[in-house]
C-alpha atoms as a PDB file:
ATOM      1  CA  MET A   1      -0.111   0.113   0.168  1.00  0.00           C
ATOM      2  CA  LEU A   2       2.772   2.550   0.617  1.00  0.00           C
ATOM      3  CA  GLN A   3       4.400   1.831  -2.939  1.00  0.00           C
ATOM      4  CA  SER A   4       0.907   3.127  -4.354  1.00  0.00           C
ATOM      5  CA  GLY A   5       1.868   6.614  -3.047  1.00  0.00           C
ATOM      6  CA  ASN A   6      -1.883   6.807  -1.127  1.00  0.00           C
ATOM      7  CA  SER A   7      -2.055  10.058   0.706  1.00  0.00           C
ATOM      8  CA  GLU A   8      -3.884   8.009   3.260  1.00  0.00           C
ATOM      9  CA  VAL A   9      -1.436   5.542   3.734  1.00  0.00           C
ATOM     10  CA  ILE A  10       0.837   8.304   5.153  1.00  0.00           C
ATOM     11  CA  ASN A  11      -1.482  10.063   7.139  1.00  0.00           C
ATOM     12  CA  LEU A  12      -1.975   6.443   8.859  1.00  0.00           C
ATOM     13  CA  LEU A  13       1.562   6.103   9.065  1.00  0.00           C
ATOM     14  CA  TYR A  14       1.592   9.312  10.402  1.00  0.00           C
ATOM     15  CA  ASP A  15      -0.565   8.992  13.259  1.00  0.00           C
ATOM     16  CA  ASP A  16       1.083   5.454  14.374  1.00  0.00           C
ATOM     17  CA  TYR A  17       4.477   6.245  14.134  1.00  0.00           C
ATOM     18  CA  SER A  18       5.073  10.066  14.303  1.00  0.00           C
ATOM     19  CA  ASP A  19       5.638  10.363  18.062  1.00  0.00           C
ATOM     20  CA  ALA A  20       8.327   7.119  18.232  1.00  0.00           C
ATOM     21  CA  LEU A  21      10.128   8.600  15.392  1.00  0.00           C
ATOM     22  CA  TYR A  22      10.193  12.338  16.755  1.00  0.00           C
ATOM     23  CA  GLY A  23      11.248  10.882  19.929  1.00  0.00           C
ATOM     24  CA  VAL A  24      14.446   9.384  18.049  1.00  0.00           C
ATOM     25  CA  VAL A  25      15.156  12.576  16.201  1.00  0.00           C
ATOM     26  CA  LEU A  26      14.802  14.840  19.243  1.00  0.00           C
ATOM     27  CA  ARG A  27      17.787  12.961  21.205  1.00  0.00           C
ATOM     28  CA  ILE A  28      19.892  13.351  17.840  1.00  0.00           C
ATOM     29  CA  VAL A  29      18.955  17.198  17.223  1.00  0.00           C
ATOM     30  CA  ASN A  30      18.157  18.151  20.940  1.00  0.00           C
ATOM     31  CA  SER A  31      15.823  21.017  19.740  1.00  0.00           C
ATOM     32  CA  GLU A  32      12.113  20.612  19.557  1.00  0.00           C
ATOM     33  CA  GLU A  33      11.800  23.391  16.873  1.00  0.00           C
ATOM     34  CA  ILE A  34      14.152  21.356  14.563  1.00  0.00           C
ATOM     35  CA  ALA A  35      12.705  17.794  15.307  1.00  0.00           C
ATOM     36  CA  LYS A  36       9.293  19.368  14.564  1.00  0.00           C
ATOM     37  CA  ASP A  37      10.633  20.076  11.381  1.00  0.00           C
ATOM     38  CA  VAL A  38      12.677  17.096  10.776  1.00  0.00           C
ATOM     39  CA  ILE A  39       9.788  14.824  11.257  1.00  0.00           C
ATOM     40  CA  GLN A  40       7.845  16.611   8.470  1.00  0.00           C
ATOM     41  CA  ASP A  41      10.634  16.312   6.164  1.00  0.00           C
ATOM     42  CA  VAL A  42      10.662  12.727   7.423  1.00  0.00           C
ATOM     43  CA  PHE A  43       7.381  11.939   6.446  1.00  0.00           C
ATOM     44  CA  VAL A  44       7.711  13.872   2.852  1.00  0.00           C
ATOM     45  CA  LYS A  45      10.498  11.503   2.359  1.00  0.00           C
ATOM     46  CA  ILE A  46       8.566   8.350   3.180  1.00  0.00           C
ATOM     47  CA  TRP A  47       5.793   9.222   0.956  1.00  0.00           C
ATOM     48  CA  LYS A  48       8.109  10.218  -1.762  1.00  0.00           C
ATOM     49  CA  ASN A  49      10.266   7.067  -1.732  1.00  0.00           C
ATOM     50  CA  GLY A  50       7.467   4.685  -0.772  1.00  0.00           C
ATOM     51  CA  SER A  51       8.107   2.584  -3.667  1.00  0.00           C
ATOM     52  CA  LYS A  52      11.514   1.841  -2.816  1.00  0.00           C
ATOM     53  CA  TYR A  53      10.210   0.206   0.515  1.00  0.00           C
ATOM     54  CA  ASP A  54      11.127  -3.400  -0.057  1.00  0.00           C
ATOM     55  CA  PRO A  55       9.343  -5.583   3.442  1.00  0.00           C
ATOM     56  CA  ALA A  56      12.053  -8.499   2.653  1.00  0.00           C
ATOM     57  CA  LYS A  57      15.124  -6.234   3.601  1.00  0.00           C
ATOM     58  CA  ALA A  58      13.621  -4.443   6.646  1.00  0.00           C
ATOM     59  CA  THR A  59       9.778  -3.974   8.860  1.00  0.00           C
ATOM     60  CA  LEU A  60       8.360  -0.771   7.783  1.00  0.00           C
ATOM     61  CA  PHE A  61       9.208   0.776  11.139  1.00  0.00           C
ATOM     62  CA  THR A  62      12.903   0.157  10.738  1.00  0.00           C
ATOM     63  CA  TRP A  63      12.756   1.419   7.058  1.00  0.00           C
ATOM     64  CA  MET A  64      11.326   4.771   8.852  1.00  0.00           C
ATOM     65  CA  LEU A  65      13.476   4.904  11.378  1.00  0.00           C
ATOM     66  CA  ASN A  66      16.421   4.822   9.294  1.00  0.00           C
ATOM     67  CA  ILE A  67      14.854   7.607   7.209  1.00  0.00           C
ATOM     68  CA  ALA A  68      14.415   9.668  10.311  1.00  0.00           C
ATOM     69  CA  ARG A  69      17.926   9.135  11.884  1.00  0.00           C
ATOM     70  CA  ASN A  70      19.405   9.817   8.491  1.00  0.00           C
ATOM     71  CA  THR A  71      17.418  12.833   8.017  1.00  0.00           C
ATOM     72  CA  ALA A  72      18.207  14.009  11.695  1.00  0.00           C
ATOM     73  CA  ILE A  73      21.831  13.498  11.415  1.00  0.00           C
ATOM     74  CA  ASP A  74      22.178  15.439   8.034  1.00  0.00           C
ATOM     75  CA  VAL A  75      20.467  18.397   9.447  1.00  0.00           C
ATOM     76  CA  THR A  76      22.975  18.042  12.590  1.00  0.00           C
ATOM     77  CA  ARG A  77      25.402  18.637  10.326  1.00  0.00           C
ATOM     78  CA  SER A  78      24.297  21.437   8.533  1.00  0.00           C
ATOM     79  CA  SER A  79      25.608  25.077   8.659  1.00  0.00           C
ATOM     80  CA  TYR A  80      21.882  25.952   9.436  1.00  0.00           C
ATOM     81  CA  PHE A  81      21.797  23.572  12.065  1.00  0.00           C
ATOM     82  CA  LYS A  82      25.532  24.961  13.648  1.00  0.00           C
ATOM     83  CA  LYS A  83      24.579  28.746  13.350  1.00  0.00           C
ATOM     84  CA  THR A  84      21.024  27.761  15.668  1.00  0.00           C
ATOM     85  CA  LEU A  85      22.480  25.661  17.921  1.00  0.00           C
ATOM     86  CA  LYS A  86      25.195  28.685  18.801  1.00  0.00           C
ATOM     87  CA  ASN A  87      22.377  31.378  19.100  1.00  0.00           C
ATOM     88  CA  ARG A  88      19.883  29.452  20.908  1.00  0.00           C
ATOM     89  CA  GLU A  89      19.575  30.895  24.366  1.00  0.00           C
ATOM     90  CA  LEU A  90      20.773  28.767  27.312  1.00  0.00           C
ATOM     91  CA  ASN A  91      17.031  28.980  28.964  1.00  0.00           C
ATOM     92  CA  SER A  92      15.414  27.231  25.676  1.00  0.00           C
ATOM     93  CA  ASN A  93      16.593  23.890  27.140  1.00  0.00           C
ATOM     94  CA  VAL A  94      16.058  24.553  30.801  1.00  0.00           C
ATOM     95  CA  TYR A  95      12.165  24.645  30.894  1.00  0.00           C
ATOM     96  CA  ASN A  96      11.627  21.957  28.556  1.00  0.00           C
ATOM     97  CA  SER A  97      12.363  18.676  31.195  1.00  0.00           C
ATOM     98  CA  GLY A  98       9.018  18.661  32.596  1.00  0.00           C
ATOM     99  CA  ASN A  99       6.892  19.281  29.267  1.00  0.00           C
ATOM    100  CA  PHE A 100       8.460  16.704  27.063  1.00  0.00           C
ATOM    101  CA  SER A 101      11.103  13.965  27.067  1.00  0.00           C
ATOM    102  CA  TRP A 102      12.437  11.885  24.244  1.00  0.00           C
ATOM    103  CA  GLN A 103      12.246   9.091  26.385  1.00  0.00           C
ATOM    104  CA  ASN A 104       8.554   9.143  26.833  1.00  0.00           C
ATOM    105  CA  ASN A 105       8.126   8.785  23.045  1.00  0.00           C
ATOM    106  CA  VAL A 106      11.344   6.056  23.167  1.00  0.00           C
ATOM    107  CA  ASP A 107       9.217   4.147  25.891  1.00  0.00           C
ATOM    108  CA  GLN A 108       5.963   4.272  24.588  1.00  0.00           C
ATOM    109  CA  ILE A 109       7.096   1.410  21.951  1.00  0.00           C
ATOM    110  CA  GLY A 110       9.518  -0.012  24.708  1.00  0.00           C
ATOM    111  CA  LEU A 111      12.814   0.581  23.138  1.00  0.00           C
ATOM    112  CA  GLN A 112      14.246   2.155  25.798  1.00  0.00           C
ATOM    113  CA  LYS A 113      13.653  -0.800  27.984  1.00  0.00           C
ATOM    114  CA  LEU A 114      15.213  -3.336  24.905  1.00  0.00           C
ATOM    115  CA  VAL A 115      18.216  -1.072  24.737  1.00  0.00           C
ATOM    116  CA  ASN A 116      18.994  -1.214  28.457  1.00  0.00           C
ATOM    117  CA  GLY A 117      18.681  -4.919  28.586  1.00  0.00           C
ATOM    118  CA  LEU A 118      21.960  -5.189  26.522  1.00  0.00           C
ATOM    119  CA  ASP A 119      25.363  -5.624  27.920  1.00  0.00           C
ATOM    120  CA  GLU A 120      26.627  -1.913  28.619  1.00  0.00           C
ATOM    121  CA  LYS A 121      29.507  -2.655  25.671  1.00  0.00           C
ATOM    122  CA  TYR A 122      26.803  -3.054  23.044  1.00  0.00           C
ATOM    123  CA  ARG A 123      24.365  -0.753  24.411  1.00  0.00           C
ATOM    124  CA  VAL A 124      26.972   2.316  24.729  1.00  0.00           C
ATOM    125  CA  VAL A 125      27.738   1.766  21.105  1.00  0.00           C
ATOM    126  CA  VAL A 126      23.887   1.866  19.957  1.00  0.00           C
ATOM    127  CA  ASP A 127      22.924   4.213  22.359  1.00  0.00           C
ATOM    128  CA  LEU A 128      25.701   6.930  20.736  1.00  0.00           C
ATOM    129  CA  ILE A 129      24.806   5.711  16.927  1.00  0.00           C
ATOM    130  CA  TYR A 130      21.497   5.370  16.684  1.00  0.00           C
ATOM    131  CA  PHE A 131      20.108   7.784  19.549  1.00  0.00           C
ATOM    132  CA  LYS A 132      22.962  10.566  19.869  1.00  0.00           C
ATOM    133  CA  GLY A 133      23.545  10.520  16.071  1.00  0.00           C
ATOM    134  CA  TYR A 134      27.683   9.597  16.063  1.00  0.00           C
ATOM    135  CA  THR A 135      29.398   8.136  13.444  1.00  0.00           C
ATOM    136  CA  GLN A 136      31.110   4.724  13.627  1.00  0.00           C
ATOM    137  CA  LYS A 137      34.268   7.073  13.724  1.00  0.00           C
ATOM    138  CA  GLU A 138      32.931   9.294  16.180  1.00  0.00           C
ATOM    139  CA  VAL A 139      32.455   6.368  18.423  1.00  0.00           C
ATOM    140  CA  GLN A 140      35.569   5.007  17.673  1.00  0.00           C
ATOM    141  CA  GLU A 141      37.572   8.178  18.875  1.00  0.00           C
ATOM    142  CA  HIS A 142      34.907   8.841  22.179  1.00  0.00           C
ATOM    143  CA  LEU A 143      35.365   5.092  23.150  1.00  0.00           C
ATOM    144  CA  ASP A 144      38.880   4.764  22.301  1.00  0.00           C
ATOM    145  CA  ILE A 145      38.094   1.081  20.861  1.00  0.00           C
ATOM    146  CA  PRO A 146      38.926   0.295  17.050  1.00  0.00           C
ATOM    147  CA  ILE A 147      36.932   0.504  14.214  1.00  0.00           C
ATOM    148  CA  GLY A 148      36.100  -2.804  14.024  1.00  0.00           C
ATOM    149  CA  THR A 149      35.102  -3.391  17.419  1.00  0.00           C
ATOM    150  CA  VAL A 150      32.723  -0.393  16.721  1.00  0.00           C
ATOM    151  CA  LYS A 151      31.294  -2.164  13.653  1.00  0.00           C
ATOM    152  CA  SER A 152      30.984  -5.531  15.463  1.00  0.00           C
ATOM    153  CA  ARG A 153      29.336  -4.360  18.879  1.00  0.00           C
ATOM    154  CA  VAL A 154      26.502  -2.506  16.712  1.00  0.00           C
ATOM    155  CA  ARG A 155      25.867  -5.475  14.613  1.00  0.00           C
ATOM    156  CA  ILE A 156      25.662  -7.525  17.418  1.00  0.00           C
ATOM    157  CA  GLY A 157      23.612  -5.115  19.874  1.00  0.00           C
ATOM    158  CA  LEU A 158      21.186  -5.286  16.809  1.00  0.00           C
ATOM    159  CA  ARG A 159      20.999  -8.571  16.779  1.00  0.00           C
ATOM    160  CA  GLU A 160      20.464  -9.251  20.331  1.00  0.00           C
ATOM    161  CA  LEU A 161      17.757  -6.280  20.176  1.00  0.00           C
ATOM    162  CA  ARG A 162      16.005  -8.596  17.769  1.00  0.00           C
ATOM    163  CA  LYS A 163      16.202 -11.507  19.960  1.00  0.00           C
ATOM    164  CA  LEU A 164      15.032  -9.313  22.818  1.00  0.00           C
ATOM    165  CA  PHE A 165      11.895  -7.745  20.452  1.00  0.00           C
ATOM    166  CA  ALA A 166      11.270 -11.195  18.899  1.00  0.00           C
ATOM    167  CA  ASN A 167      10.463 -12.390  22.774  1.00  0.00           C
ATOM    168  CA  ILE A 168       8.560  -9.715  23.635  1.00  0.00           C
ATOM    169  CA  VAL A 169       6.237  -9.876  20.490  1.00  0.00           C
ATOM    170  CA  MET A 170       6.055 -13.813  20.985  1.00  0.00           C
ATOM    171  CA  LEU A 171       4.379 -13.604  24.559  1.00  0.00           C
ATOM    172  CA  PRO A 172       1.005 -12.279  23.490  1.00  0.00           C
ATOM    173  CA  ILE A 173       0.796 -15.052  21.110  1.00  0.00           C
ATOM    174  CA  ILE A 174       2.034 -17.622  23.639  1.00  0.00           C
ATOM    175  CA  PHE A 175      -0.342 -16.410  25.882  1.00  0.00           C
ATOM    176  CA  SER A 176      -3.490 -16.105  23.672  1.00  0.00           C
ATOM    177  CA  ASN A 177      -3.356 -19.728  23.173  1.00  0.00           C
ATOM    178  CA  TYR A 178      -3.900 -20.481  26.726  1.00  0.00           C
ATOM    179  CA  PHE A 179      -7.174 -17.962  27.132  1.00  0.00           C
END
């Protein structure tokens, strides 16, 4: 259905996934105003590139998450973002802590709990790359570990997350057989 370019489909996707994607984008850009703009761009990209989605390669959420993450990272590397970041008032983040937190959106889909279930060496790398927008090279420098180790930890961490997620998805199916 997404491949058809139907505007109803994109509206449903926005309703179902915008909060979760917003939480990830907000974590990367660290600005609610910019995150809202990025989410708009993300859903335009999803709509325009819907024909490129291949369910054999990734789940729909994973595909959309990668678009959101990559768009947010592109924004943080732009000169506009760097200028905005320098000109932002210090108080702009002081009062946000009680109103909205990216963790609220991430926790709605249980992602934070899953990531916290990883061994620390995998959790740290996954957190830096997927939630903070670091590149593998930046993680290598930040943690002072070889690039091959970074790549392995990301791969293993994502594999372990898939296992954890599969266990959560299977529980309702298993219990539904008993009731």
